[in-house]
C-alpha atoms as a PDB file:
ATOM      1  CA  UNK A   1      15.646  21.755  44.560  1.00  0.00           C
ATOM      2  CA  UNK A   2      17.150  23.697  47.488  1.00  0.00           C
ATOM      3  CA  UNK A   3      15.707  27.197  47.412  1.00  0.00           C
ATOM      4  CA  UNK A   4      15.741  30.623  48.977  1.00  0.00           C
ATOM      5  CA  UNK A   5      12.205  31.856  49.578  1.00  0.00           C
ATOM      6  CA  UNK A   6      12.801  35.514  48.707  1.00  0.00           C
ATOM      7  CA  UNK A   7      12.085  34.739  45.079  1.00  0.00           C
ATOM      8  CA  UNK A   8       8.795  32.962  45.783  1.00  0.00           C
ATOM      9  CA  UNK A   9       6.866  35.420  43.628  1.00  0.00           C
ATOM     10  CA  UNK A  10       8.121  33.658  40.525  1.00  0.00           C
ATOM     11  CA  UNK A  11       5.380  31.073  40.639  1.00  0.00           C
ATOM     12  CA  UNK A  12       2.870  33.794  39.751  1.00  0.00           C
ATOM     13  CA  UNK A  13       3.663  34.199  36.033  1.00  0.00           C
ATOM     14  CA  UNK A  14       2.072  30.870  35.246  1.00  0.00           C
ATOM     15  CA  UNK A  15      -1.182  31.900  36.894  1.00  0.00           C
ATOM     16  CA  UNK A  16      -1.334  34.868  34.525  1.00  0.00           C
ATOM     17  CA  UNK A  17      -0.111  33.278  31.299  1.00  0.00           C
ATOM     18  CA  UNK A  18      -3.592  32.660  29.928  1.00  0.00           C
ATOM     19  CA  UNK A  19      -3.957  36.399  29.393  1.00  0.00           C
ATOM     20  CA  UNK A  20      -1.052  36.736  26.990  1.00  0.00           C
ATOM     21  CA  UNK A  21      -1.344  33.752  24.650  1.00  0.00           C
ATOM     22  CA  UNK A  22      -1.288  34.291  20.902  1.00  0.00           C
ATOM     23  CA  UNK A  23      -3.727  32.073  19.019  1.00  0.00           C
ATOM     24  CA  UNK A  24      -1.446  31.234  16.123  1.00  0.00           C
ATOM     25  CA  UNK A  25       1.810  32.184  14.474  1.00  0.00           C
ATOM     26  CA  UNK A  26       1.954  34.252  11.304  1.00  0.00           C
ATOM     27  CA  UNK A  27       3.150  31.426   9.135  1.00  0.00           C
ATOM     28  CA  UNK A  28      -0.180  29.570   9.297  1.00  0.00           C
ATOM     29  CA  UNK A  29       1.259  26.073   9.138  1.00  0.00           C
ATOM     30  CA  UNK A  30      -0.683  23.020  10.263  1.00  0.00           C
ATOM     31  CA  UNK A  31       0.775  21.663  13.492  1.00  0.00           C
ATOM     32  CA  UNK A  32      -0.886  18.286  13.783  1.00  0.00           C
ATOM     33  CA  UNK A  33      -1.255  18.910  17.533  1.00  0.00           C
ATOM     34  CA  UNK A  34      -4.690  19.152  19.154  1.00  0.00           C
ATOM     35  CA  UNK A  35      -4.844  20.586  22.658  1.00  0.00           C
ATOM     36  CA  UNK A  36      -6.891  19.123  25.495  1.00  0.00           C
ATOM     37  CA  UNK A  37      -7.450  20.260  29.045  1.00  0.00           C
ATOM     38  CA  UNK A  38      -5.388  18.553  31.747  1.00  0.00           C
ATOM     39  CA  UNK A  39      -6.581  19.023  35.330  1.00  0.00           C
ATOM     40  CA  UNK A  40      -3.780  18.474  37.808  1.00  0.00           C
ATOM     41  CA  UNK A  41      -5.924  19.252  40.841  1.00  0.00           C
ATOM     42  CA  UNK A  42      -4.304  22.521  41.890  1.00  0.00           C
ATOM     43  CA  UNK A  43      -3.377  23.535  38.333  1.00  0.00           C
ATOM     44  CA  UNK A  44      -4.565  23.085  34.759  1.00  0.00           C
ATOM     45  CA  UNK A  45      -3.009  23.285  31.312  1.00  0.00           C
ATOM     46  CA  UNK A  46      -4.090  22.831  27.710  1.00  0.00           C
ATOM     47  CA  UNK A  47      -1.633  20.169  26.574  1.00  0.00           C
ATOM     48  CA  UNK A  48      -1.332  18.298  23.271  1.00  0.00           C
ATOM     49  CA  UNK A  49      -3.391  15.110  23.260  1.00  0.00           C
ATOM     50  CA  UNK A  50      -1.449  12.047  24.380  1.00  0.00           C
ATOM     51  CA  UNK A  51       1.264  14.025  26.149  1.00  0.00           C
ATOM     52  CA  UNK A  52       2.299  13.206  29.709  1.00  0.00           C
ATOM     53  CA  UNK A  53       2.630  15.804  32.477  1.00  0.00           C
ATOM     54  CA  UNK A  54       5.188  15.607  35.296  1.00  0.00           C
ATOM     55  CA  UNK A  55       5.371  18.027  38.229  1.00  0.00           C
ATOM     56  CA  UNK A  56       7.754  18.661  41.104  1.00  0.00           C
ATOM     57  CA  UNK A  57       8.209  21.189  43.896  1.00  0.00           C
ATOM     58  CA  UNK A  58       5.657  23.641  45.228  1.00  0.00           C
ATOM     59  CA  UNK A  59       5.001  27.369  45.258  1.00  0.00           C
ATOM     60  CA  UNK A  60       8.288  29.113  44.411  1.00  0.00           C
ATOM     61  CA  UNK A  61       9.952  25.843  43.382  1.00  0.00           C
ATOM     62  CA  UNK A  62       7.051  24.442  41.358  1.00  0.00           C
ATOM     63  CA  UNK A  63       8.041  22.881  38.026  1.00  0.00           C
ATOM     64  CA  UNK A  64       6.238  21.010  35.292  1.00  0.00           C
ATOM     65  CA  UNK A  65       7.255  19.144  32.165  1.00  0.00           C
ATOM     66  CA  UNK A  66       4.748  18.168  29.489  1.00  0.00           C
ATOM     67  CA  UNK A  67       6.104  15.984  26.704  1.00  0.00           C
ATOM     68  CA  UNK A  68       5.243  13.516  23.963  1.00  0.00           C
ATOM     69  CA  UNK A  69       6.133   9.980  25.145  1.00  0.00           C
ATOM     70  CA  UNK A  70       6.777   8.912  21.557  1.00  0.00           C
ATOM     71  CA  UNK A  71       9.014  11.925  20.823  1.00  0.00           C
ATOM     72  CA  UNK A  72      10.485  13.501  23.977  1.00  0.00           C
ATOM     73  CA  UNK A  73      11.973  16.366  21.952  1.00  0.00           C
ATOM     74  CA  UNK A  74       8.421  17.712  21.786  1.00  0.00           C
ATOM     75  CA  UNK A  75       8.009  19.362  25.165  1.00  0.00           C
ATOM     76  CA  UNK A  76       7.051  22.445  27.136  1.00  0.00           C
ATOM     77  CA  UNK A  77       8.423  23.082  30.600  1.00  0.00           C
ATOM     78  CA  UNK A  78       8.578  25.578  33.425  1.00  0.00           C
ATOM     79  CA  UNK A  79      10.917  25.681  36.430  1.00  0.00           C
ATOM     80  CA  UNK A  80      10.326  28.331  39.075  1.00  0.00           C
ATOM     81  CA  UNK A  81      13.856  27.957  40.370  1.00  0.00           C
ATOM     82  CA  UNK A  82      16.932  25.944  39.347  1.00  0.00           C
ATOM     83  CA  UNK A  83      20.183  25.866  41.264  1.00  0.00           C
ATOM     84  CA  UNK A  84      22.364  26.769  42.872  1.00  0.00           C
ATOM     85  CA  UNK A  85      25.216  26.763  40.376  1.00  0.00           C
ATOM     86  CA  UNK A  86      28.722  27.993  41.015  1.00  0.00           C
ATOM     87  CA  UNK A  87      29.869  31.328  39.668  1.00  0.00           C
ATOM     88  CA  UNK A  88      33.416  30.004  39.282  1.00  0.00           C
ATOM     89  CA  UNK A  89      35.355  26.765  39.533  1.00  0.00           C
ATOM     90  CA  UNK A  90      37.485  28.423  42.184  1.00  0.00           C
ATOM     91  CA  UNK A  91      34.459  28.699  44.470  1.00  0.00           C
ATOM     92  CA  UNK A  92      33.829  24.975  44.120  1.00  0.00           C
ATOM     93  CA  UNK A  93      37.385  24.292  45.302  1.00  0.00           C
ATOM     94  CA  UNK A  94      36.832  26.594  48.270  1.00  0.00           C
ATOM     95  CA  UNK A  95      33.749  24.574  49.169  1.00  0.00           C
ATOM     96  CA  UNK A  96      35.699  21.321  48.851  1.00  0.00           C
ATOM     97  CA  UNK A  97      38.331  22.665  51.199  1.00  0.00           C
ATOM     98  CA  UNK A  98      35.706  23.934  53.639  1.00  0.00           C
ATOM     99  CA  UNK A  99      34.043  20.502  53.708  1.00  0.00           C
ATOM    100  CA  UNK A 100      37.350  18.651  54.110  1.00  0.00           C
ATOM    101  CA  UNK A 101      38.083  20.757  57.187  1.00  0.00           C
ATOM    102  CA  UNK A 102      34.873  19.583  58.843  1.00  0.00           C
ATOM    103  CA  UNK A 103      32.499  22.266  57.598  1.00  0.00           C
ATOM    104  CA  UNK A 104      28.902  21.634  56.630  1.00  0.00           C
ATOM    105  CA  UNK A 105      28.574  19.557  53.433  1.00  0.00           C
ATOM    106  CA  UNK A 106      27.492  21.335  50.283  1.00  0.00           C
ATOM    107  CA  UNK A 107      24.589  19.551  48.613  1.00  0.00           C
ATOM    108  CA  UNK A 108      25.354  21.299  45.317  1.00  0.00           C
ATOM    109  CA  UNK A 109      29.041  20.396  45.099  1.00  0.00           C
ATOM    110  CA  UNK A 110      28.476  18.582  41.773  1.00  0.00           C
ATOM    111  CA  UNK A 111      26.733  21.554  40.170  1.00  0.00           C
ATOM    112  CA  UNK A 112      28.602  23.174  37.243  1.00  0.00           C
ATOM    113  CA  UNK A 113      30.264  26.578  37.236  1.00  0.00           C
ATOM    114  CA  UNK A 114      28.464  29.117  35.027  1.00  0.00           C
ATOM    115  CA  UNK A 115      30.970  31.846  34.281  1.00  0.00           C
ATOM    116  CA  UNK A 116      29.886  34.435  33.383  1.00  0.00           C
ATOM    117  CA  UNK A 117      26.422  33.987  34.844  1.00  0.00           C
ATOM    118  CA  UNK A 118      24.184  34.766  31.868  1.00  0.00           C
ATOM    119  CA  UNK A 119      20.987  33.058  30.715  1.00  0.00           C
ATOM    120  CA  UNK A 120      22.716  31.739  27.589  1.00  0.00           C
ATOM    121  CA  UNK A 121      25.603  30.267  29.572  1.00  0.00           C
ATOM    122  CA  UNK A 122      23.170  28.843  32.108  1.00  0.00           C
ATOM    123  CA  UNK A 123      21.386  26.965  29.317  1.00  0.00           C
ATOM    124  CA  UNK A 124      24.703  25.758  27.891  1.00  0.00           C
ATOM    125  CA  UNK A 125      25.378  24.100  31.255  1.00  0.00           C
ATOM    126  CA  UNK A 126      21.830  22.758  31.613  1.00  0.00           C
ATOM    127  CA  UNK A 127      22.885  19.208  30.713  1.00  0.00           C
ATOM    128  CA  UNK A 128      25.343  19.203  33.633  1.00  0.00           C
ATOM    129  CA  UNK A 129      22.729  20.667  35.965  1.00  0.00           C
ATOM    130  CA  UNK A 130      20.340  17.899  34.869  1.00  0.00           C
ATOM    131  CA  UNK A 131      22.867  15.223  35.901  1.00  0.00           C
ATOM    132  CA  UNK A 132      23.438  16.656  39.386  1.00  0.00           C
ATOM    133  CA  UNK A 133      22.099  14.937  42.486  1.00  0.00           C
ATOM    134  CA  UNK A 134      19.878  17.906  43.283  1.00  0.00           C
ATOM    135  CA  UNK A 135      18.250  17.919  39.852  1.00  0.00           C
ATOM    136  CA  UNK A 136      17.799  14.149  39.708  1.00  0.00           C
ATOM    137  CA  UNK A 137      16.317  14.122  43.186  1.00  0.00           C
ATOM    138  CA  UNK A 138      13.967  16.917  42.215  1.00  0.00           C
ATOM    139  CA  UNK A 139      12.857  15.555  38.816  1.00  0.00           C
ATOM    140  CA  UNK A 140      14.518  12.488  37.245  1.00  0.00           C
ATOM    141  CA  UNK A 141      13.134  13.531  33.841  1.00  0.00           C
ATOM    142  CA  UNK A 142      14.904  16.900  34.077  1.00  0.00           C
ATOM    143  CA  UNK A 143      15.423  18.131  30.478  1.00  0.00           C
ATOM    144  CA  UNK A 144      18.909  17.407  29.154  1.00  0.00           C
ATOM    145  CA  UNK A 145      19.815  20.015  26.588  1.00  0.00           C
ATOM    146  CA  UNK A 146      23.028  18.456  25.305  1.00  0.00           C
ATOM    147  CA  UNK A 147      25.382  20.282  22.905  1.00  0.00           C
ATOM    148  CA  UNK A 148      23.437  23.503  23.369  1.00  0.00           C
ATOM    149  CA  UNK A 149      24.117  25.890  20.470  1.00  0.00           C
ATOM    150  CA  UNK A 150      22.744  29.426  20.716  1.00  0.00           C
ATOM    151  CA  UNK A 151      21.273  30.782  17.490  1.00  0.00           C
ATOM    152  CA  UNK A 152      20.134  34.104  18.928  1.00  0.00           C
ATOM    153  CA  UNK A 153      19.844  35.761  22.313  1.00  0.00           C
ATOM    154  CA  UNK A 154      17.783  38.884  22.989  1.00  0.00           C
ATOM    155  CA  UNK A 155      17.928  40.741  26.303  1.00  0.00           C
ATOM    156  CA  UNK A 156      14.594  41.224  28.082  1.00  0.00           C
ATOM    157  CA  UNK A 157      13.522  43.381  31.045  1.00  0.00           C
ATOM    158  CA  UNK A 158      14.630  41.672  34.269  1.00  0.00           C
ATOM    159  CA  UNK A 159      12.276  41.102  37.227  1.00  0.00           C
ATOM    160  CA  UNK A 160      14.628  42.486  39.865  1.00  0.00           C
ATOM    161  CA  UNK A 161      17.824  44.430  40.374  1.00  0.00           C
ATOM    162  CA  UNK A 162      20.940  42.394  39.717  1.00  0.00           C
ATOM    163  CA  UNK A 163      19.155  39.837  37.529  1.00  0.00           C
ATOM    164  CA  UNK A 164      19.584  39.214  33.806  1.00  0.00           C
ATOM    165  CA  UNK A 165      16.879  37.919  31.482  1.00  0.00           C
ATOM    166  CA  UNK A 166      17.193  36.667  27.907  1.00  0.00           C
ATOM    167  CA  UNK A 167      15.020  35.113  25.252  1.00  0.00           C
ATOM    168  CA  UNK A 168      17.185  32.431  23.652  1.00  0.00           C
ATOM    169  CA  UNK A 169      16.690  30.451  20.459  1.00  0.00           C
ATOM    170  CA  UNK A 170      18.941  27.407  20.262  1.00  0.00           C
ATOM    171  CA  UNK A 171      19.625  23.937  18.940  1.00  0.00           C
ATOM    172  CA  UNK A 172      20.466  20.966  21.158  1.00  0.00           C
ATOM    173  CA  UNK A 173      20.731  17.204  20.943  1.00  0.00           C
ATOM    174  CA  UNK A 174      19.079  14.332  22.731  1.00  0.00           C
ATOM    175  CA  UNK A 175      20.735  11.062  21.893  1.00  0.00           C
ATOM    176  CA  UNK A 176      21.307  11.240  18.151  1.00  0.00           C
ATOM    177  CA  UNK A 177      18.341  13.540  17.538  1.00  0.00           C
ATOM    178  CA  UNK A 178      18.511  17.288  16.994  1.00  0.00           C
ATOM    179  CA  UNK A 179      16.038  19.626  18.690  1.00  0.00           C
ATOM    180  CA  UNK A 180      15.287  23.324  18.506  1.00  0.00           C
ATOM    181  CA  UNK A 181      13.675  25.537  21.094  1.00  0.00           C
ATOM    182  CA  UNK A 182      12.857  28.955  22.482  1.00  0.00           C
ATOM    183  CA  UNK A 183      13.750  29.646  26.109  1.00  0.00           C
ATOM    184  CA  UNK A 184      13.046  32.534  28.465  1.00  0.00           C
ATOM    185  CA  UNK A 185      15.442  32.518  31.426  1.00  0.00           C
ATOM    186  CA  UNK A 186      16.367  34.844  34.291  1.00  0.00           C
ATOM    187  CA  UNK A 187      19.573  34.392  36.301  1.00  0.00           C
ATOM    188  CA  UNK A 188      20.879  36.172  39.386  1.00  0.00           C
ATOM    189  CA  UNK A 189      23.811  35.732  41.776  1.00  0.00           C
ATOM    190  CA  UNK A 190      23.160  35.138  45.477  1.00  0.00           C
ATOM    191  CA  UNK A 191      24.585  37.233  48.272  1.00  0.00           C
ATOM    192  CA  UNK A 192      27.532  35.492  49.988  1.00  0.00           C
ATOM    193  CA  UNK A 193      27.069  33.940  53.413  1.00  0.00           C
ATOM    194  CA  UNK A 194      30.318  34.872  55.175  1.00  0.00           C
ATOM    195  CA  UNK A 195      32.525  32.833  52.882  1.00  0.00           C
ATOM    196  CA  UNK A 196      31.173  29.372  53.671  1.00  0.00           C
ATOM    197  CA  UNK A 197      29.056  27.198  51.351  1.00  0.00           C
ATOM    198  CA  UNK A 198      26.550  29.606  49.829  1.00  0.00           C
ATOM    199  CA  UNK A 199      29.123  32.125  48.668  1.00  0.00           C
ATOM    200  CA  UNK A 200      29.786  32.480  44.964  1.00  0.00           C
ATOM    201  CA  UNK A 201      26.607  30.850  43.722  1.00  0.00           C
ATOM    202  CA  UNK A 202      23.689  31.846  41.517  1.00  0.00           C
ATOM    203  CA  UNK A 203      20.274  30.630  40.407  1.00  0.00           C
ATOM    204  CA  UNK A 204      18.098  30.393  37.345  1.00  0.00           C
ATOM    205  CA  UNK A 205      14.544  31.630  37.793  1.00  0.00           C
ATOM    206  CA  UNK A 206      11.304  31.297  35.851  1.00  0.00           C
ATOM    207  CA  UNK A 207      12.827  29.038  33.199  1.00  0.00           C
ATOM    208  CA  UNK A 208      10.381  28.463  30.355  1.00  0.00           C
ATOM    209  CA  UNK A 209      11.111  26.297  27.334  1.00  0.00           C
ATOM    210  CA  UNK A 210       9.286  25.032  24.258  1.00  0.00           C
ATOM    211  CA  UNK A 211      11.097  22.524  22.045  1.00  0.00           C
ATOM    212  CA  UNK A 212      10.571  20.119  19.156  1.00  0.00           C
ATOM    213  CA  UNK A 213      12.630  18.237  16.578  1.00  0.00           C
ATOM    214  CA  UNK A 214      14.553  20.824  14.589  1.00  0.00           C
ATOM    215  CA  UNK A 215      12.743  20.102  11.346  1.00  0.00           C
ATOM    216  CA  UNK A 216       9.343  20.462  13.048  1.00  0.00           C
ATOM    217  CA  UNK A 217       9.823  23.359  15.441  1.00  0.00           C
ATOM    218  CA  UNK A 218       8.812  26.029  12.930  1.00  0.00           C
ATOM    219  CA  UNK A 219       5.434  24.337  12.493  1.00  0.00           C
ATOM    220  CA  UNK A 220       4.836  23.657  16.197  1.00  0.00           C
ATOM    221  CA  UNK A 221       6.037  26.873  17.849  1.00  0.00           C
ATOM    222  CA  UNK A 222       2.645  28.611  17.920  1.00  0.00           C
ATOM    223  CA  UNK A 223       0.822  25.603  19.423  1.00  0.00           C
ATOM    224  CA  UNK A 224       3.532  24.981  22.027  1.00  0.00           C
ATOM    225  CA  UNK A 225       3.414  28.648  23.032  1.00  0.00           C
ATOM    226  CA  UNK A 226      -0.344  28.447  23.329  1.00  0.00           C
ATOM    227  CA  UNK A 227      -0.059  25.379  25.530  1.00  0.00           C
ATOM    228  CA  UNK A 228       2.382  26.872  27.996  1.00  0.00           C
ATOM    229  CA  UNK A 229       0.409  30.114  28.089  1.00  0.00           C
ATOM    230  CA  UNK A 230      -2.706  28.211  29.199  1.00  0.00           C
ATOM    231  CA  UNK A 231      -1.120  27.034  32.455  1.00  0.00           C
ATOM    232  CA  UNK A 232      -2.877  28.326  35.545  1.00  0.00           C
ATOM    233  CA  UNK A 233      -2.931  27.588  39.268  1.00  0.00           C
ATOM    234  CA  UNK A 234      -6.123  27.229  41.281  1.00  0.00           C
ATOM    235  CA  UNK A 235      -6.879  30.322  43.334  1.00  0.00           C
ATOM    236  CA  UNK A 236      -6.735  28.446  46.650  1.00  0.00           C
ATOM    237  CA  UNK A 237      -3.229  27.177  45.806  1.00  0.00           C
ATOM    238  CA  UNK A 238      -2.020  30.698  45.030  1.00  0.00           C
ATOM    239  CA  UNK A 239      -3.546  31.996  48.273  1.00  0.00           C
ATOM    240  CA  UNK A 240      -1.853  29.231  50.247  1.00  0.00           C
ATOM    241  CA  UNK A 241       1.530  30.091  48.750  1.00  0.00           C
ATOM    242  CA  UNK A 242       0.922  33.768  49.412  1.00  0.00           C
ATOM    243  CA  UNK A 243       0.107  32.991  53.045  1.00  0.00           C
ATOM    244  CA  UNK A 244       3.328  31.017  53.450  1.00  0.00           C
ATOM    245  CA  UNK A 245       5.503  33.769  52.023  1.00  0.00           C
ATOM    246  CA  UNK A 246       3.451  36.924  52.473  1.00  0.00           C
ATOM    247  CA  UNK A 247       6.370  39.278  53.090  1.00  0.00           C
ATOM    248  CA  UNK A 248       8.305  37.838  50.152  1.00  0.00           C
ATOM    249  CA  UNK A 249       5.406  38.312  47.782  1.00  0.00           C
ATOM    250  CA  UNK A 250       4.719  41.807  49.061  1.00  0.00           C
ATOM    251  CA  UNK A 251       8.315  42.863  48.615  1.00  0.00           C
ATOM    252  CA  UNK A 252       8.785  41.845  44.987  1.00  0.00           C
ATOM    253  CA  UNK A 253       5.291  41.801  43.518  1.00  0.00           C
ATOM    254  CA  UNK A 254       6.644  43.608  40.452  1.00  0.00           C
ATOM    255  CA  UNK A 255       8.513  40.446  39.456  1.00  0.00           C
ATOM    256  CA  UNK A 256       5.286  38.527  38.980  1.00  0.00           C
ATOM    257  CA  UNK A 257       3.798  41.283  36.856  1.00  0.00           C
ATOM    258  CA  UNK A 258       6.856  41.426  34.625  1.00  0.00           C
ATOM    259  CA  UNK A 259       7.218  37.692  34.093  1.00  0.00           C
ATOM    260  CA  UNK A 260       3.511  37.141  33.551  1.00  0.00           C
ATOM    261  CA  UNK A 261       4.196  38.306  30.002  1.00  0.00           C
ATOM    262  CA  UNK A 262       6.573  35.383  29.391  1.00  0.00           C
ATOM    263  CA  UNK A 263       4.587  33.533  26.741  1.00  0.00           C
ATOM    264  CA  UNK A 264       3.863  36.763  24.905  1.00  0.00           C
ATOM    265  CA  UNK A 265       7.599  37.472  24.820  1.00  0.00           C
ATOM    266  CA  UNK A 266       8.260  34.052  23.295  1.00  0.00           C
ATOM    267  CA  UNK A 267       5.573  34.489  20.635  1.00  0.00           C
ATOM    268  CA  UNK A 268       6.681  38.003  19.724  1.00  0.00           C
ATOM    269  CA  UNK A 269      10.323  36.963  19.738  1.00  0.00           C
ATOM    270  CA  UNK A 270       9.568  34.213  17.235  1.00  0.00           C
ATOM    271  CA  UNK A 271       7.437  36.419  15.008  1.00  0.00           C
ATOM    272  CA  UNK A 272      10.040  39.202  15.012  1.00  0.00           C
ATOM    273  CA  UNK A 273      13.053  36.943  14.623  1.00  0.00           C
ATOM    274  CA  UNK A 274      15.751  37.750  12.123  1.00  0.00           C
ATOM    275  CA  UNK A 275      15.159  35.441   9.161  1.00  0.00           C
ATOM    276  CA  UNK A 276      18.918  34.956   8.803  1.00  0.00           C
ATOM    277  CA  UNK A 277      18.668  33.011  12.074  1.00  0.00           C
ATOM    278  CA  UNK A 278      16.454  30.484  10.260  1.00  0.00           C
ATOM    279  CA  UNK A 279      19.272  29.903   7.798  1.00  0.00           C
ATOM    280  CA  UNK A 280      21.793  29.687  10.640  1.00  0.00           C
ATOM    281  CA  UNK A 281      19.623  27.072  12.339  1.00  0.00           C
ATOM    282  CA  UNK A 282      19.553  24.946   9.195  1.00  0.00           C
ATOM    283  CA  UNK A 283      23.312  25.261   8.726  1.00  0.00           C
ATOM    284  CA  UNK A 284      23.943  24.210  12.324  1.00  0.00           C
ATOM    285  CA  UNK A 285      21.581  21.306  11.761  1.00  0.00           C
ATOM    286  CA  UNK A 286      23.514  20.120   8.706  1.00  0.00           C
ATOM    287  CA  UNK A 287      26.848  20.472  10.505  1.00  0.00           C
ATOM    288  CA  UNK A 288      25.586  18.539  13.530  1.00  0.00           C
ATOM    289  CA  UNK A 289      23.990  15.730  11.523  1.00  0.00           C
ATOM    290  CA  UNK A 290      26.788  15.479   8.930  1.00  0.00           C
ATOM    291  CA  UNK A 291      24.640  16.483   5.967  1.00  0.00           C
ATOM    292  CA  UNK A 292      24.689  18.973   3.124  1.00  0.00           C
ATOM    293  CA  UNK A 293      22.023  20.364   0.813  1.00  0.00           C
ATOM    294  CA  UNK A 294      21.997  20.812  -2.937  1.00  0.00           C
ATOM    295  CA  UNK A 295      19.281  22.260  -5.147  1.00  0.00           C
ATOM    296  CA  UNK A 296      18.200  22.092  -8.757  1.00  0.00           C
ATOM    297  CA  UNK A 297      18.102  25.665 -10.171  1.00  0.00           C
ATOM    298  CA  UNK A 298      15.462  24.587 -12.727  1.00  0.00           C
ATOM    299  CA  UNK A 299      12.931  23.018 -10.344  1.00  0.00           C
ATOM    300  CA  UNK A 300      14.011  24.773  -7.104  1.00  0.00           C
ATOM    301  CA  UNK A 301      13.822  21.391  -5.348  1.00  0.00           C
ATOM    302  CA  UNK A 302      16.228  20.934  -2.441  1.00  0.00           C
ATOM    303  CA  UNK A 303      17.956  17.609  -1.807  1.00  0.00           C
ATOM    304  CA  UNK A 304      19.803  16.289   1.225  1.00  0.00           C
ATOM    305  CA  UNK A 305      23.021  14.237   1.044  1.00  0.00           C
ATOM    306  CA  UNK A 306      25.795  13.102   3.336  1.00  0.00           C
ATOM    307  CA  UNK A 307      28.418  15.742   3.936  1.00  0.00           C
ATOM    308  CA  UNK A 308      31.093  15.648   1.206  1.00  0.00           C
ATOM    309  CA  UNK A 309      28.809  14.324  -1.526  1.00  0.00           C
ATOM    310  CA  UNK A 310      28.998  17.505  -3.602  1.00  0.00           C
ATOM    311  CA  UNK A 311      32.775  17.287  -3.993  1.00  0.00           C
ATOM    312  CA  UNK A 312      32.428  13.774  -5.441  1.00  0.00           C
ATOM    313  CA  UNK A 313      29.406  14.760  -7.540  1.00  0.00           C
ATOM    314  CA  UNK A 314      31.295  17.573  -9.276  1.00  0.00           C
ATOM    315  CA  UNK A 315      34.011  15.191 -10.457  1.00  0.00           C
ATOM    316  CA  UNK A 316      31.582  13.363 -12.761  1.00  0.00           C
ATOM    317  CA  UNK A 317      28.228  15.094 -12.579  1.00  0.00           C
ATOM    318  CA  UNK A 318      27.376  14.589 -16.256  1.00  0.00           C
ATOM    319  CA  UNK A 319      26.718  10.905 -15.634  1.00  0.00           C
ATOM    320  CA  UNK A 320      23.532  11.916 -13.789  1.00  0.00           C
ATOM    321  CA  UNK A 321      20.288  13.131 -15.316  1.00  0.00           C
ATOM    322  CA  UNK A 322      20.243  15.749 -12.565  1.00  0.00           C
ATOM    323  CA  UNK A 323      23.593  17.136 -13.606  1.00  0.00           C
ATOM    324  CA  UNK A 324      23.182  20.723 -12.457  1.00  0.00           C
ATOM    325  CA  UNK A 325      22.820  20.398  -8.679  1.00  0.00           C
ATOM    326  CA  UNK A 326      24.371  23.275  -6.777  1.00  0.00           C
ATOM    327  CA  UNK A 327      25.056  24.307  -3.212  1.00  0.00           C
ATOM    328  CA  UNK A 328      22.393  26.524  -1.692  1.00  0.00           C
ATOM    329  CA  UNK A 329      23.136  30.263  -1.794  1.00  0.00           C
ATOM    330  CA  UNK A 330      24.106  31.406   1.688  1.00  0.00           C
ATOM    331  CA  UNK A 331      21.348  33.999   1.948  1.00  0.00           C
ATOM    332  CA  UNK A 332      18.389  32.315   0.224  1.00  0.00           C
ATOM    333  CA  UNK A 333      15.806  31.968   3.007  1.00  0.00           C
ATOM    334  CA  UNK A 334      13.257  30.218   0.799  1.00  0.00           C
ATOM    335  CA  UNK A 335      15.631  27.426  -0.197  1.00  0.00           C
ATOM    336  CA  UNK A 336      17.138  26.959   3.261  1.00  0.00           C
ATOM    337  CA  UNK A 337      13.748  26.628   4.945  1.00  0.00           C
ATOM    338  CA  UNK A 338      12.274  24.329   2.297  1.00  0.00           C
ATOM    339  CA  UNK A 339      12.000  20.711   3.538  1.00  0.00           C
ATOM    340  CA  UNK A 340      14.766  18.787   1.754  1.00  0.00           C
ATOM    341  CA  UNK A 341      14.110  15.590  -0.180  1.00  0.00           C
ATOM    342  CA  UNK A 342      16.213  12.446   0.177  1.00  0.00           C
ATOM    343  CA  UNK A 343      18.840  13.101  -2.478  1.00  0.00           C
ATOM    344  CA  UNK A 344      19.880   9.493  -2.891  1.00  0.00           C
ATOM    345  CA  UNK A 345      16.327   8.410  -3.703  1.00  0.00           C
ATOM    346  CA  UNK A 346      15.848  11.108  -6.322  1.00  0.00           C
ATOM    347  CA  UNK A 347      19.294  11.230  -7.899  1.00  0.00           C
ATOM    348  CA  UNK A 348      19.258   9.751 -11.410  1.00  0.00           C
END
């Protein structure tokens, strides 16, 4: 995508990520994912077996997407730079007017406005960014995080003055499927260029994401984090990029050091998450998919039904052998995170 080279240092975090990978999450669940080395020539990554790897850009704009062809919701990705986006809809109209008067065309005129420019809002507009001509020209498989719903957002140290960084946990949809992910994103506005196209815009930098189907993410998080942490560039590639943008790298070397801890931030953020967010994730999932959960107080089994079933069930529940099903208590983490059974198959 169109870039400004002053942020070229942001390719460096990936060359350092191997140093900050956690081996496994605290929950000790089996992931069913085995990692294998993928050699991309100038880079390498430990990816899950059978996954495909797509790359685009170079140096500051380098991006990669590793995903499961049979389940695209399972993915890890990194984008050194994404944008520009507008800071307001008003600025887009100014650009339209500028172009209509014979000014230089804006190649990002179909980019969305992100107002205010925060990492969370940037991710909420990611599906519109993915549809833009710039994004499609850069990577046709650009992740489309539709119906992005933030579960939690935690501020992180930013790599430079004027930038904002957040670790975001969220749900999103792809087609009719529901995904969950952790994302580390930095955003920053650009300095205006005398009022013409280039004024009132901002960028996303060092965008890292790990995602999976919502009901599997808890089990896969540690392995996905380990995969993205294993990414590294070949030394000759790094040296070549440094040679191209020596002054840029020299000026903001601190940014690379800060963002090299990205995978560690994701792992720690997951391990230290508020457990009420797990419940919130499940509730959002039910609301999105049109489902509700009931449980048997005697067996502690949790069952899944279509939304509205409980109201009908209560009208004549004594006709069922399981005649004591109840709604899950709002704050019971154990019940809300227990895999639900198909209620219709078990209801007697």
